[in-house]
């Protein structure tokens, strides 16, 4: 079953590749999963960077969020990024490098959100 799902995911990714998947907005946990699937299927670091960009956007527009930003999707984005960073050194490196490219305000926000130890 797992091989079938991987095959279907690869097929969907190849069909979707012409639509520049790393440009699609993250609108739900499902679209967030698509970015993780894109990264794991292709190794494209832009997929991980797009998730980090979403975290910035969602946190900095919290007072007046666009329709597609909600607290649940933001929480899932943060938790999945932290979890994947802990489990995968390449993802950890991609995220840390992307954080260093940010403005000082966004860098501080991301360091607090993704790098600081969390209370359980």
PDB file of N, CA and C in Angstrom:
ATOM      1  N   UNK A   1       0.820  -1.192   0.000  1.00  0.00           N
ATOM      2  CA  UNK A   1       0.000   0.000   0.000  1.00  0.00           C
ATOM      3  C   UNK A   1       0.872   1.266   0.000  1.00  0.00           C
ATOM      4  N   UNK A   2       1.958   1.240   0.808  1.00  0.00           N
ATOM      5  CA  UNK A   2       2.838   2.411   0.889  1.00  0.00           C
ATOM      6  C   UNK A   2       3.466   2.707  -0.476  1.00  0.00           C
ATOM      7  N   UNK A   3       3.893   1.644  -1.192  1.00  0.00           N
ATOM      8  CA  UNK A   3       4.484   1.847  -2.517  1.00  0.00           C
ATOM      9  C   UNK A   3       3.472   2.441  -3.492  1.00  0.00           C
ATOM     10  N   UNK A   4       2.209   2.015  -3.378  1.00  0.00           N
ATOM     11  CA  UNK A   4       1.165   2.556  -4.230  1.00  0.00           C
ATOM     12  C   UNK A   4       0.976   4.046  -3.954  1.00  0.00           C
ATOM     13  N   UNK A   5       0.931   4.419  -2.683  1.00  0.00           N
ATOM     14  CA  UNK A   5       0.776   5.830  -2.328  1.00  0.00           C
ATOM     15  C   UNK A   5       1.960   6.669  -2.800  1.00  0.00           C
ATOM     16  N   UNK A   6       3.163   6.125  -2.666  1.00  0.00           N
ATOM     17  CA  UNK A   6       4.349   6.835  -3.140  1.00  0.00           C
ATOM     18  C   UNK A   6       4.274   7.020  -4.653  1.00  0.00           C
ATOM     19  N   UNK A   7       3.841   5.972  -5.361  1.00  0.00           N
ATOM     20  CA  UNK A   7       3.706   6.050  -6.811  1.00  0.00           C
ATOM     21  C   UNK A   7       2.670   7.077  -7.226  1.00  0.00           C
ATOM     22  N   UNK A   8       1.537   7.083  -6.547  1.00  0.00           N
ATOM     23  CA  UNK A   8       0.485   8.049  -6.857  1.00  0.00           C
ATOM     24  C   UNK A   8       0.971   9.459  -6.566  1.00  0.00           C
ATOM     25  N   UNK A   9       1.651   9.648  -5.442  1.00  0.00           N
ATOM     26  CA  UNK A   9       2.187  10.966  -5.099  1.00  0.00           C
ATOM     27  C   UNK A   9       3.178  11.436  -6.155  1.00  0.00           C
ATOM     28  N   UNK A  10       4.070  10.545  -6.580  1.00  0.00           N
ATOM     29  CA  UNK A  10       5.054  10.904  -7.610  1.00  0.00           C
ATOM     30  C   UNK A  10       4.355  11.293  -8.916  1.00  0.00           C
ATOM     31  N   UNK A  11       3.320  10.547  -9.274  1.00  0.00           N
ATOM     32  CA  UNK A  11       2.576  10.860 -10.492  1.00  0.00           C
ATOM     33  C   UNK A  11       1.905  12.220 -10.373  1.00  0.00           C
ATOM     34  N   UNK A  12       1.249  12.466  -9.253  1.00  0.00           N
ATOM     35  CA  UNK A  12       0.591  13.757  -9.053  1.00  0.00           C
ATOM     36  C   UNK A  12       1.593  14.897  -9.066  1.00  0.00           C
ATOM     37  N   UNK A  13       2.739  14.679  -8.446  1.00  0.00           N
ATOM     38  CA  UNK A  13       3.777  15.716  -8.446  1.00  0.00           C
ATOM     39  C   UNK A  13       4.276  15.994  -9.856  1.00  0.00           C
ATOM     40  N   UNK A  14       4.469  14.953 -10.643  1.00  0.00           N
ATOM     41  CA  UNK A  14       4.957  15.170 -12.005  1.00  0.00           C
ATOM     42  C   UNK A  14       3.910  15.894 -12.847  1.00  0.00           C
ATOM     43  N   UNK A  15       2.634  15.577 -12.629  1.00  0.00           N
ATOM     44  CA  UNK A  15       1.572  16.268 -13.358  1.00  0.00           C
ATOM     45  C   UNK A  15       1.444  17.714 -12.908  1.00  0.00           C
ATOM     46  N   UNK A  16       1.688  17.953 -11.642  1.00  0.00           N
ATOM     47  CA  UNK A  16       1.541  19.284 -11.071  1.00  0.00           C
ATOM     48  C   UNK A  16       2.785  20.143 -11.270  1.00  0.00           C
ATOM     49  N   UNK A  17       3.896  19.539 -11.652  1.00  0.00           N
ATOM     50  CA  UNK A  17       5.171  20.255 -11.754  1.00  0.00           C
ATOM     51  C   UNK A  17       5.107  21.441 -12.702  1.00  0.00           C
ATOM     52  N   UNK A  18       4.312  21.338 -13.748  1.00  0.00           N
ATOM     53  CA  UNK A  18       4.233  22.445 -14.699  1.00  0.00           C
ATOM     54  C   UNK A  18       3.500  23.644 -14.127  1.00  0.00           C
ATOM     55  N   UNK A  19       2.795  23.459 -13.016  1.00  0.00           N
ATOM     56  CA  UNK A  19       2.058  24.562 -12.396  1.00  0.00           C
ATOM     57  C   UNK A  19       2.877  25.247 -11.305  1.00  0.00           C
ATOM     58  N   UNK A  20       4.174  25.007 -11.284  1.00  0.00           N
ATOM     59  CA  UNK A  20       5.079  25.614 -10.303  1.00  0.00           C
ATOM     60  C   UNK A  20       4.547  25.433  -8.886  1.00  0.00           C
ATOM     61  N   UNK A  21       4.576  24.197  -8.377  1.00  0.00           N
ATOM     62  CA  UNK A  21       3.958  23.915  -7.085  1.00  0.00           C
ATOM     63  C   UNK A  21       4.513  24.731  -5.929  1.00  0.00           C
ATOM     64  N   UNK A  22       5.746  25.181  -6.019  1.00  0.00           N
ATOM     65  CA  UNK A  22       6.278  25.959  -4.907  1.00  0.00           C
ATOM     66  C   UNK A  22       5.803  27.415  -4.951  1.00  0.00           C
ATOM     67  N   UNK A  23       4.906  27.725  -5.848  1.00  0.00           N
ATOM     68  CA  UNK A  23       4.317  29.058  -5.901  1.00  0.00           C
ATOM     69  C   UNK A  23       2.868  29.054  -5.412  1.00  0.00           C
ATOM     70  N   UNK A  24       2.270  27.871  -5.298  1.00  0.00           N
ATOM     71  CA  UNK A  24       0.884  27.777  -4.845  1.00  0.00           C
ATOM     72  C   UNK A  24       0.786  28.241  -3.396  1.00  0.00           C
ATOM     73  N   UNK A  25      -0.296  28.926  -3.034  1.00  0.00           N
ATOM     74  CA  UNK A  25      -0.442  29.355  -1.642  1.00  0.00           C
ATOM     75  C   UNK A  25      -0.712  28.165  -0.724  1.00  0.00           C
ATOM     76  N   UNK A  26      -0.269  28.275   0.497  1.00  0.00           N
ATOM     77  CA  UNK A  26      -0.597  27.284   1.511  1.00  0.00           C
ATOM     78  C   UNK A  26      -1.907  27.754   2.129  1.00  0.00           C
ATOM     79  N   UNK A  27      -2.946  26.960   1.944  1.00  0.00           N
ATOM     80  CA  UNK A  27      -4.274  27.373   2.378  1.00  0.00           C
ATOM     81  C   UNK A  27      -4.877  26.455   3.433  1.00  0.00           C
ATOM     82  N   UNK A  28      -4.237  25.319   3.678  1.00  0.00           N
ATOM     83  CA  UNK A  28      -4.783  24.344   4.622  1.00  0.00           C
ATOM     84  C   UNK A  28      -3.691  23.332   4.951  1.00  0.00           C
ATOM     85  N   UNK A  29      -3.927  22.494   5.943  1.00  0.00           N
ATOM     86  CA  UNK A  29      -2.961  21.425   6.208  1.00  0.00           C
ATOM     87  C   UNK A  29      -2.748  20.506   5.002  1.00  0.00           C
ATOM     88  N   UNK A  30      -3.752  20.362   4.161  1.00  0.00           N
ATOM     89  CA  UNK A  30      -3.614  19.528   2.964  1.00  0.00           C
ATOM     90  C   UNK A  30      -2.603  20.149   1.998  1.00  0.00           C
ATOM     91  N   UNK A  31      -2.702  21.447   1.770  1.00  0.00           N
ATOM     92  CA  UNK A  31      -1.730  22.084   0.868  1.00  0.00           C
ATOM     93  C   UNK A  31      -0.346  22.117   1.511  1.00  0.00           C
ATOM     94  N   UNK A  32      -0.304  22.208   2.833  1.00  0.00           N
ATOM     95  CA  UNK A  32       0.975  22.116   3.544  1.00  0.00           C
ATOM     96  C   UNK A  32       1.604  20.742   3.317  1.00  0.00           C
ATOM     97  N   UNK A  33       0.803  19.696   3.418  1.00  0.00           N
ATOM     98  CA  UNK A  33       1.295  18.338   3.144  1.00  0.00           C
ATOM     99  C   UNK A  33       1.847  18.227   1.733  1.00  0.00           C
ATOM    100  N   UNK A  34       1.209  18.923   0.795  1.00  0.00           N
ATOM    101  CA  UNK A  34       1.693  18.875  -0.584  1.00  0.00           C
ATOM    102  C   UNK A  34       3.120  19.414  -0.681  1.00  0.00           C
ATOM    103  N   UNK A  35       3.415  20.474   0.069  1.00  0.00           N
ATOM    104  CA  UNK A  35       4.778  21.009   0.056  1.00  0.00           C
ATOM    105  C   UNK A  35       5.771  20.017   0.652  1.00  0.00           C
ATOM    106  N   UNK A  36       5.394  19.353   1.753  1.00  0.00           N
ATOM    107  CA  UNK A  36       6.292  18.342   2.320  1.00  0.00           C
ATOM    108  C   UNK A  36       6.469  17.185   1.346  1.00  0.00           C
ATOM    109  N   UNK A  37       5.390  16.749   0.713  1.00  0.00           N
ATOM    110  CA  UNK A  37       5.488  15.668  -0.277  1.00  0.00           C
ATOM    111  C   UNK A  37       6.382  16.086  -1.445  1.00  0.00           C
ATOM    112  N   UNK A  38       6.240  17.343  -1.861  1.00  0.00           N
ATOM    113  CA  UNK A  38       7.085  17.846  -2.943  1.00  0.00           C
ATOM    114  C   UNK A  38       8.552  17.762  -2.548  1.00  0.00           C
ATOM    115  N   UNK A  39       8.865  18.209  -1.336  1.00  0.00           N
ATOM    116  CA  UNK A  39      10.259  18.147  -0.890  1.00  0.00           C
ATOM    117  C   UNK A  39      10.751  16.705  -0.840  1.00  0.00           C
ATOM    118  N   UNK A  40       9.995  15.820  -0.198  1.00  0.00           N
ATOM    119  CA  UNK A  40      10.464  14.443  -0.035  1.00  0.00           C
ATOM    120  C   UNK A  40      10.530  13.691  -1.367  1.00  0.00           C
ATOM    121  N   UNK A  41       9.693  14.066  -2.323  1.00  0.00           N
ATOM    122  CA  UNK A  41       9.724  13.399  -3.628  1.00  0.00           C
ATOM    123  C   UNK A  41      10.802  13.954  -4.548  1.00  0.00           C
ATOM    124  N   UNK A  42      11.112  15.257  -4.413  1.00  0.00           N
ATOM    125  CA  UNK A  42      12.024  15.888  -5.366  1.00  0.00           C
ATOM    126  C   UNK A  42      13.317  16.395  -4.743  1.00  0.00           C
ATOM    127  N   UNK A  43      13.301  16.623  -3.426  1.00  0.00           N
ATOM    128  CA  UNK A  43      14.465  17.217  -2.780  1.00  0.00           C
ATOM    129  C   UNK A  43      14.581  18.712  -3.023  1.00  0.00           C
ATOM    130  N   UNK A  44      13.538  19.312  -3.588  1.00  0.00           N
ATOM    131  CA  UNK A  44      13.561  20.738  -3.907  1.00  0.00           C
ATOM    132  C   UNK A  44      13.472  21.557  -2.615  1.00  0.00           C
ATOM    133  N   UNK A  45      14.541  22.260  -2.237  1.00  0.00           N
ATOM    134  CA  UNK A  45      14.528  23.030  -0.983  1.00  0.00           C
ATOM    135  C   UNK A  45      13.530  24.180  -1.008  1.00  0.00           C
ATOM    136  N   UNK A  46      13.105  24.620  -2.196  1.00  0.00           N
ATOM    137  CA  UNK A  46      12.137  25.712  -2.277  1.00  0.00           C
ATOM    138  C   UNK A  46      10.820  25.332  -1.612  1.00  0.00           C
ATOM    139  N   UNK A  47      10.492  24.057  -1.589  1.00  0.00           N
ATOM    140  CA  UNK A  47       9.257  23.632  -0.932  1.00  0.00           C
ATOM    141  C   UNK A  47       9.335  23.895   0.573  1.00  0.00           C
ATOM    142  N   UNK A  48      10.470  23.578   1.178  1.00  0.00           N
ATOM    143  CA  UNK A  48      10.665  23.832   2.608  1.00  0.00           C
ATOM    144  C   UNK A  48      10.724  25.342   2.859  1.00  0.00           C
ATOM    145  N   UNK A  49      11.413  26.067   2.006  1.00  0.00           N
ATOM    146  CA  UNK A  49      11.507  27.517   2.158  1.00  0.00           C
ATOM    147  C   UNK A  49      10.130  28.171   2.075  1.00  0.00           C
ATOM    148  N   UNK A  50       9.274  27.634   1.213  1.00  0.00           N
ATOM    149  CA  UNK A  50       7.916  28.188   1.074  1.00  0.00           C
ATOM    150  C   UNK A  50       7.120  27.989   2.359  1.00  0.00           C
ATOM    151  N   UNK A  51       7.320  26.868   3.036  1.00  0.00           N
ATOM    152  CA  UNK A  51       6.643  26.632   4.316  1.00  0.00           C
ATOM    153  C   UNK A  51       7.125  27.650   5.354  1.00  0.00           C
ATOM    154  N   UNK A  52       8.429  27.890   5.384  1.00  0.00           N
ATOM    155  CA  UNK A  52       8.982  28.885   6.312  1.00  0.00           C
ATOM    156  C   UNK A  52       8.423  30.272   5.973  1.00  0.00           C
ATOM    157  N   UNK A  53       8.340  30.590   4.698  1.00  0.00           N
ATOM    158  CA  UNK A  53       7.773  31.878   4.288  1.00  0.00           C
ATOM    159  C   UNK A  53       6.313  32.001   4.738  1.00  0.00           C
ATOM    160  N   UNK A  54       5.574  30.894   4.647  1.00  0.00           N
ATOM    161  CA  UNK A  54       4.185  30.898   5.112  1.00  0.00           C
ATOM    162  C   UNK A  54       4.126  31.200   6.613  1.00  0.00           C
ATOM    163  N   UNK A  55       5.027  30.604   7.374  1.00  0.00           N
ATOM    164  CA  UNK A  55       5.051  30.844   8.820  1.00  0.00           C
ATOM    165  C   UNK A  55       5.293  32.323   9.111  1.00  0.00           C
ATOM    166  N   UNK A  56       6.218  32.930   8.375  1.00  0.00           N
ATOM    167  CA  UNK A  56       6.468  34.371   8.530  1.00  0.00           C
ATOM    168  C   UNK A  56       5.198  35.150   8.200  1.00  0.00           C
ATOM    169  N   UNK A  57       4.648  34.874   7.041  1.00  0.00           N
ATOM    170  CA  UNK A  57       3.469  35.610   6.574  1.00  0.00           C
ATOM    171  C   UNK A  57       2.308  35.464   7.554  1.00  0.00           C
ATOM    172  N   UNK A  58       2.070  34.249   8.011  1.00  0.00           N
ATOM    173  CA  UNK A  58       0.943  34.008   8.914  1.00  0.00           C
ATOM    174  C   UNK A  58       1.130  34.706  10.253  1.00  0.00           C
ATOM    175  N   UNK A  59       2.350  34.740  10.743  1.00  0.00           N
ATOM    176  CA  UNK A  59       2.588  35.381  12.043  1.00  0.00           C
ATOM    177  C   UNK A  59       2.646  36.899  11.947  1.00  0.00           C
ATOM    178  N   UNK A  60       3.108  37.428  10.855  1.00  0.00           N
ATOM    179  CA  UNK A  60       3.228  38.887  10.745  1.00  0.00           C
ATOM    180  C   UNK A  60       1.927  39.538  10.295  1.00  0.00           C
ATOM    181  N   UNK A  61       0.990  38.767   9.779  1.00  0.00           N
ATOM    182  CA  UNK A  61      -0.304  39.320   9.368  1.00  0.00           C
ATOM    183  C   UNK A  61      -1.412  38.853  10.310  1.00  0.00           C
ATOM    184  N   UNK A  62      -1.040  38.437  11.516  1.00  0.00           N
ATOM    185  CA  UNK A  62      -2.015  37.875  12.447  1.00  0.00           C
ATOM    186  C   UNK A  62      -3.152  38.848  12.774  1.00  0.00           C
ATOM    187  N   UNK A  63      -2.872  40.135  12.807  1.00  0.00           N
ATOM    188  CA  UNK A  63      -3.918  41.107  13.125  1.00  0.00           C
ATOM    189  C   UNK A  63      -4.951  41.230  12.002  1.00  0.00           C
ATOM    190  N   UNK A  64      -4.495  41.093  10.767  1.00  0.00           N
ATOM    191  CA  UNK A  64      -5.378  41.204   9.604  1.00  0.00           C
ATOM    192  C   UNK A  64      -5.019  40.118   8.588  1.00  0.00           C
ATOM    193  N   UNK A  65      -5.271  38.856   8.944  1.00  0.00           N
ATOM    194  CA  UNK A  65      -4.843  37.777   8.043  1.00  0.00           C
ATOM    195  C   UNK A  65      -5.680  37.699   6.774  1.00  0.00           C
ATOM    196  N   UNK A  66      -5.048  37.347   5.662  1.00  0.00           N
ATOM    197  CA  UNK A  66      -5.815  37.063   4.448  1.00  0.00           C
ATOM    198  C   UNK A  66      -6.734  35.860   4.712  1.00  0.00           C
ATOM    199  N   UNK A  67      -7.705  35.677   3.871  1.00  0.00           N
ATOM    200  CA  UNK A  67      -8.690  34.597   4.063  1.00  0.00           C
ATOM    201  C   UNK A  67      -8.049  33.224   4.183  1.00  0.00           C
ATOM    202  N   UNK A  68      -6.928  32.993   3.504  1.00  0.00           N
ATOM    203  CA  UNK A  68      -6.355  31.650   3.468  1.00  0.00           C
ATOM    204  C   UNK A  68      -5.450  31.331   4.661  1.00  0.00           C
ATOM    205  N   UNK A  69      -5.261  32.256   5.571  1.00  0.00           N
ATOM    206  CA  UNK A  69      -4.419  31.992   6.744  1.00  0.00           C
ATOM    207  C   UNK A  69      -5.315  31.737   7.951  1.00  0.00           C
ATOM    208  N   UNK A  70      -5.097  30.584   8.582  1.00  0.00           N
ATOM    209  CA  UNK A  70      -5.843  30.291   9.800  1.00  0.00           C
ATOM    210  C   UNK A  70      -4.887  29.733  10.854  1.00  0.00           C
ATOM    211  N   UNK A  71      -5.306  29.828  12.098  1.00  0.00           N
ATOM    212  CA  UNK A  71      -4.445  29.414  13.208  1.00  0.00           C
ATOM    213  C   UNK A  71      -4.086  27.935  13.147  1.00  0.00           C
ATOM    214  N   UNK A  72      -5.026  27.102  12.735  1.00  0.00           N
ATOM    215  CA  UNK A  72      -4.763  25.666  12.703  1.00  0.00           C
ATOM    216  C   UNK A  72      -3.665  25.334  11.691  1.00  0.00           C
ATOM    217  N   UNK A  73      -3.756  25.905  10.504  1.00  0.00           N
ATOM    218  CA  UNK A  73      -2.743  25.641   9.478  1.00  0.00           C
ATOM    219  C   UNK A  73      -1.388  26.170   9.926  1.00  0.00           C
ATOM    220  N   UNK A  74      -1.366  27.325  10.563  1.00  0.00           N
ATOM    221  CA  UNK A  74      -0.107  27.870  11.076  1.00  0.00           C
ATOM    222  C   UNK A  74       0.483  26.933  12.127  1.00  0.00           C
ATOM    223  N   UNK A  75      -0.334  26.448  13.041  1.00  0.00           N
ATOM    224  CA  UNK A  75       0.148  25.527  14.067  1.00  0.00           C
ATOM    225  C   UNK A  75       0.717  24.264  13.446  1.00  0.00           C
ATOM    226  N   UNK A  76       0.033  23.722  12.459  1.00  0.00           N
ATOM    227  CA  UNK A  76       0.514  22.521  11.775  1.00  0.00           C
ATOM    228  C   UNK A  76       1.822  22.819  11.049  1.00  0.00           C
ATOM    229  N   UNK A  77       1.929  23.990  10.432  1.00  0.00           N
ATOM    230  CA  UNK A  77       3.160  24.366   9.730  1.00  0.00           C
ATOM    231  C   UNK A  77       4.338  24.428  10.696  1.00  0.00           C
ATOM    232  N   UNK A  78       4.127  25.040  11.844  1.00  0.00           N
ATOM    233  CA  UNK A  78       5.202  25.162  12.835  1.00  0.00           C
ATOM    234  C   UNK A  78       5.597  23.794  13.375  1.00  0.00           C
ATOM    235  N   UNK A  79       4.602  23.020  13.795  1.00  0.00           N
ATOM    236  CA  UNK A  79       4.896  21.706  14.385  1.00  0.00           C
ATOM    237  C   UNK A  79       5.534  20.757  13.386  1.00  0.00           C
ATOM    238  N   UNK A  80       5.049  20.752  12.155  1.00  0.00           N
ATOM    239  CA  UNK A  80       5.628  19.846  11.156  1.00  0.00           C
ATOM    240  C   UNK A  80       7.040  20.268  10.782  1.00  0.00           C
ATOM    241  N   UNK A  81       7.300  21.562  10.729  1.00  0.00           N
ATOM    242  CA  UNK A  81       8.648  22.040  10.410  1.00  0.00           C
ATOM    243  C   UNK A  81       9.605  21.679  11.536  1.00  0.00           C
ATOM    244  N   UNK A  82       9.211  21.942  12.770  1.00  0.00           N
ATOM    245  CA  UNK A  82      10.069  21.588  13.908  1.00  0.00           C
ATOM    246  C   UNK A  82      10.346  20.082  13.930  1.00  0.00           C
ATOM    247  N   UNK A  83       9.318  19.289  13.735  1.00  0.00           N
ATOM    248  CA  UNK A  83       9.471  17.836  13.758  1.00  0.00           C
ATOM    249  C   UNK A  83      10.400  17.365  12.646  1.00  0.00           C
ATOM    250  N   UNK A  84      10.196  17.879  11.441  1.00  0.00           N
ATOM    251  CA  UNK A  84      11.053  17.473  10.329  1.00  0.00           C
ATOM    252  C   UNK A  84      12.489  17.954  10.512  1.00  0.00           C
ATOM    253  N   UNK A  85      12.674  19.114  11.142  1.00  0.00           N
ATOM    254  CA  UNK A  85      14.031  19.590  11.429  1.00  0.00           C
ATOM    255  C   UNK A  85      14.739  18.651  12.404  1.00  0.00           C
ATOM    256  N   UNK A  86      13.992  18.164  13.391  1.00  0.00           N
ATOM    257  CA  UNK A  86      14.580  17.249  14.376  1.00  0.00           C
ATOM    258  C   UNK A  86      14.959  15.907  13.754  1.00  0.00           C
ATOM    259  N   UNK A  87      14.203  15.477  12.771  1.00  0.00           N
ATOM    260  CA  UNK A  87      14.392  14.157  12.181  1.00  0.00           C
ATOM    261  C   UNK A  87      15.306  14.139  10.956  1.00  0.00           C
ATOM    262  N   UNK A  88      15.524  15.310  10.349  1.00  0.00           N
ATOM    263  CA  UNK A  88      16.226  15.333   9.070  1.00  0.00           C
ATOM    264  C   UNK A  88      17.217  16.506   9.068  1.00  0.00           C
ATOM    265  N   UNK A  89      18.505  16.179   9.050  1.00  0.00           N
ATOM    266  CA  UNK A  89      19.528  17.227   9.116  1.00  0.00           C
ATOM    267  C   UNK A  89      19.524  18.127   7.876  1.00  0.00           C
ATOM    268  N   UNK A  90      19.113  17.588   6.737  1.00  0.00           N
ATOM    269  CA  UNK A  90      19.061  18.414   5.525  1.00  0.00           C
ATOM    270  C   UNK A  90      17.971  19.464   5.652  1.00  0.00           C
ATOM    271  N   UNK A  91      16.812  19.069   6.157  1.00  0.00           N
ATOM    272  CA  UNK A  91      15.728  20.032   6.366  1.00  0.00           C
ATOM    273  C   UNK A  91      16.157  21.068   7.397  1.00  0.00           C
ATOM    274  N   UNK A  92      16.790  20.633   8.458  1.00  0.00           N
ATOM    275  CA  UNK A  92      17.289  21.552   9.476  1.00  0.00           C
ATOM    276  C   UNK A  92      18.214  22.587   8.836  1.00  0.00           C
ATOM    277  N   UNK A  93      19.100  22.140   7.982  1.00  0.00           N
ATOM    278  CA  UNK A  93      20.041  23.039   7.311  1.00  0.00           C
ATOM    279  C   UNK A  93      19.324  24.014   6.373  1.00  0.00           C
ATOM    280  N   UNK A  94      18.357  23.519   5.617  1.00  0.00           N
ATOM    281  CA  UNK A  94      17.590  24.378   4.699  1.00  0.00           C
ATOM    282  C   UNK A  94      16.892  25.473   5.482  1.00  0.00           C
ATOM    283  N   UNK A  95      16.229  25.092   6.568  1.00  0.00           N
ATOM    284  CA  UNK A  95      15.491  26.074   7.371  1.00  0.00           C
ATOM    285  C   UNK A  95      16.442  27.094   7.982  1.00  0.00           C
ATOM    286  N   UNK A  96      17.543  26.634   8.573  1.00  0.00           N
ATOM    287  CA  UNK A  96      18.488  27.559   9.209  1.00  0.00           C
ATOM    288  C   UNK A  96      19.093  28.532   8.188  1.00  0.00           C
ATOM    289  N   UNK A  97      19.427  28.054   7.001  1.00  0.00           N
ATOM    290  CA  UNK A  97      19.972  28.935   5.958  1.00  0.00           C
ATOM    291  C   UNK A  97      18.924  29.946   5.506  1.00  0.00           C
ATOM    292  N   UNK A  98      17.676  29.491   5.395  1.00  0.00           N
ATOM    293  CA  UNK A  98      16.606  30.398   4.953  1.00  0.00           C
ATOM    294  C   UNK A  98      16.332  31.461   6.020  1.00  0.00           C
ATOM    295  N   UNK A  99      16.408  31.078   7.273  1.00  0.00           N
ATOM    296  CA  UNK A  99      16.219  32.046   8.356  1.00  0.00           C
ATOM    297  C   UNK A  99      17.276  33.144   8.266  1.00  0.00           C
ATOM    298  N   UNK A 100      18.517  32.791   7.956  1.00  0.00           N
ATOM    299  CA  UNK A 100      19.601  33.775   7.894  1.00  0.00           C
ATOM    300  C   UNK A 100      19.412  34.790   6.771  1.00  0.00           C
ATOM    301  N   UNK A 101      18.593  34.472   5.776  1.00  0.00           N
ATOM    302  CA  UNK A 101      18.338  35.380   4.651  1.00  0.00           C
ATOM    303  C   UNK A 101      17.243  36.401   4.958  1.00  0.00           C
ATOM    304  N   UNK A 102      16.617  36.294   6.118  1.00  0.00           N
ATOM    305  CA  UNK A 102      15.462  37.126   6.441  1.00  0.00           C
ATOM    306  C   UNK A 102      15.875  38.462   7.063  1.00  0.00           C
ATOM    307  N   UNK A 103      14.915  39.385   7.085  1.00  0.00           N
ATOM    308  CA  UNK A 103      15.134  40.649   7.803  1.00  0.00           C
ATOM    309  C   UNK A 103      15.340  40.321   9.277  1.00  0.00           C
ATOM    310  N   UNK A 104      15.903  41.266  10.023  1.00  0.00           N
ATOM    311  CA  UNK A 104      16.164  41.021  11.446  1.00  0.00           C
ATOM    312  C   UNK A 104      14.889  40.681  12.208  1.00  0.00           C
ATOM    313  N   UNK A 105      13.798  41.374  11.902  1.00  0.00           N
ATOM    314  CA  UNK A 105      12.533  41.110  12.599  1.00  0.00           C
ATOM    315  C   UNK A 105      12.031  39.694  12.294  1.00  0.00           C
ATOM    316  N   UNK A 106      12.065  39.309  11.031  1.00  0.00           N
ATOM    317  CA  UNK A 106      11.602  37.961  10.663  1.00  0.00           C
ATOM    318  C   UNK A 106      12.551  36.888  11.172  1.00  0.00           C
ATOM    319  N   UNK A 107      13.843  37.198  11.164  1.00  0.00           N
ATOM    320  CA  UNK A 107      14.829  36.249  11.684  1.00  0.00           C
ATOM    321  C   UNK A 107      14.546  35.960  13.162  1.00  0.00           C
ATOM    322  N   UNK A 108      14.298  37.014  13.929  1.00  0.00           N
ATOM    323  CA  UNK A 108      14.015  36.842  15.354  1.00  0.00           C
ATOM    324  C   UNK A 108      12.736  36.035  15.557  1.00  0.00           C
ATOM    325  N   UNK A 109      11.705  36.357  14.788  1.00  0.00           N
ATOM    326  CA  UNK A 109      10.434  35.640  14.880  1.00  0.00           C
ATOM    327  C   UNK A 109      10.628  34.150  14.593  1.00  0.00           C
ATOM    328  N   UNK A 110      11.346  33.837  13.530  1.00  0.00           N
ATOM    329  CA  UNK A 110      11.561  32.437  13.159  1.00  0.00           C
ATOM    330  C   UNK A 110      12.446  31.705  14.157  1.00  0.00           C
ATOM    331  N   UNK A 111      13.452  32.380  14.680  1.00  0.00           N
ATOM    332  CA  UNK A 111      14.304  31.742  15.682  1.00  0.00           C
ATOM    333  C   UNK A 111      13.482  31.381  16.922  1.00  0.00           C
ATOM    334  N   UNK A 112      12.577  32.284  17.321  1.00  0.00           N
ATOM    335  CA  UNK A 112      11.722  31.987  18.480  1.00  0.00           C
ATOM    336  C   UNK A 112      10.734  30.866  18.171  1.00  0.00           C
ATOM    337  N   UNK A 113      10.215  30.867  16.958  1.00  0.00           N
ATOM    338  CA  UNK A 113       9.182  29.896  16.578  1.00  0.00           C
ATOM    339  C   UNK A 113       9.748  28.517  16.279  1.00  0.00           C
ATOM    340  N   UNK A 114      10.857  28.471  15.552  1.00  0.00           N
ATOM    341  CA  UNK A 114      11.363  27.188  15.046  1.00  0.00           C
ATOM    342  C   UNK A 114      12.615  26.671  15.754  1.00  0.00           C
ATOM    343  N   UNK A 115      13.403  27.537  16.365  1.00  0.00           N
ATOM    344  CA  UNK A 115      14.687  27.098  16.918  1.00  0.00           C
ATOM    345  C   UNK A 115      14.729  27.072  18.444  1.00  0.00           C
ATOM    346  N   UNK A 116      13.924  27.893  19.086  1.00  0.00           N
ATOM    347  CA  UNK A 116      13.964  27.947  20.551  1.00  0.00           C
ATOM    348  C   UNK A 116      13.368  26.681  21.155  1.00  0.00           C
ATOM    349  N   UNK A 117      13.935  26.212  22.256  1.00  0.00           N
ATOM    350  CA  UNK A 117      13.352  25.035  22.929  1.00  0.00           C
ATOM    351  C   UNK A 117      11.903  25.324  23.312  1.00  0.00           C
ATOM    352  N   UNK A 118      11.058  24.313  23.179  1.00  0.00           N
ATOM    353  CA  UNK A 118       9.646  24.456  23.494  1.00  0.00           C
ATOM    354  C   UNK A 118       9.293  23.676  24.739  1.00  0.00           C
ATOM    355  N   UNK A 119       8.419  24.243  25.530  1.00  0.00           N
ATOM    356  CA  UNK A 119       7.911  23.519  26.706  1.00  0.00           C
ATOM    357  C   UNK A 119       6.892  22.502  26.237  1.00  0.00           C
ATOM    358  N   UNK A 120       6.951  21.316  26.819  1.00  0.00           N
ATOM    359  CA  UNK A 120       5.983  20.268  26.437  1.00  0.00           C
ATOM    360  C   UNK A 120       4.711  20.373  27.210  1.00  0.00           C
TER     361      UNK A 120
END
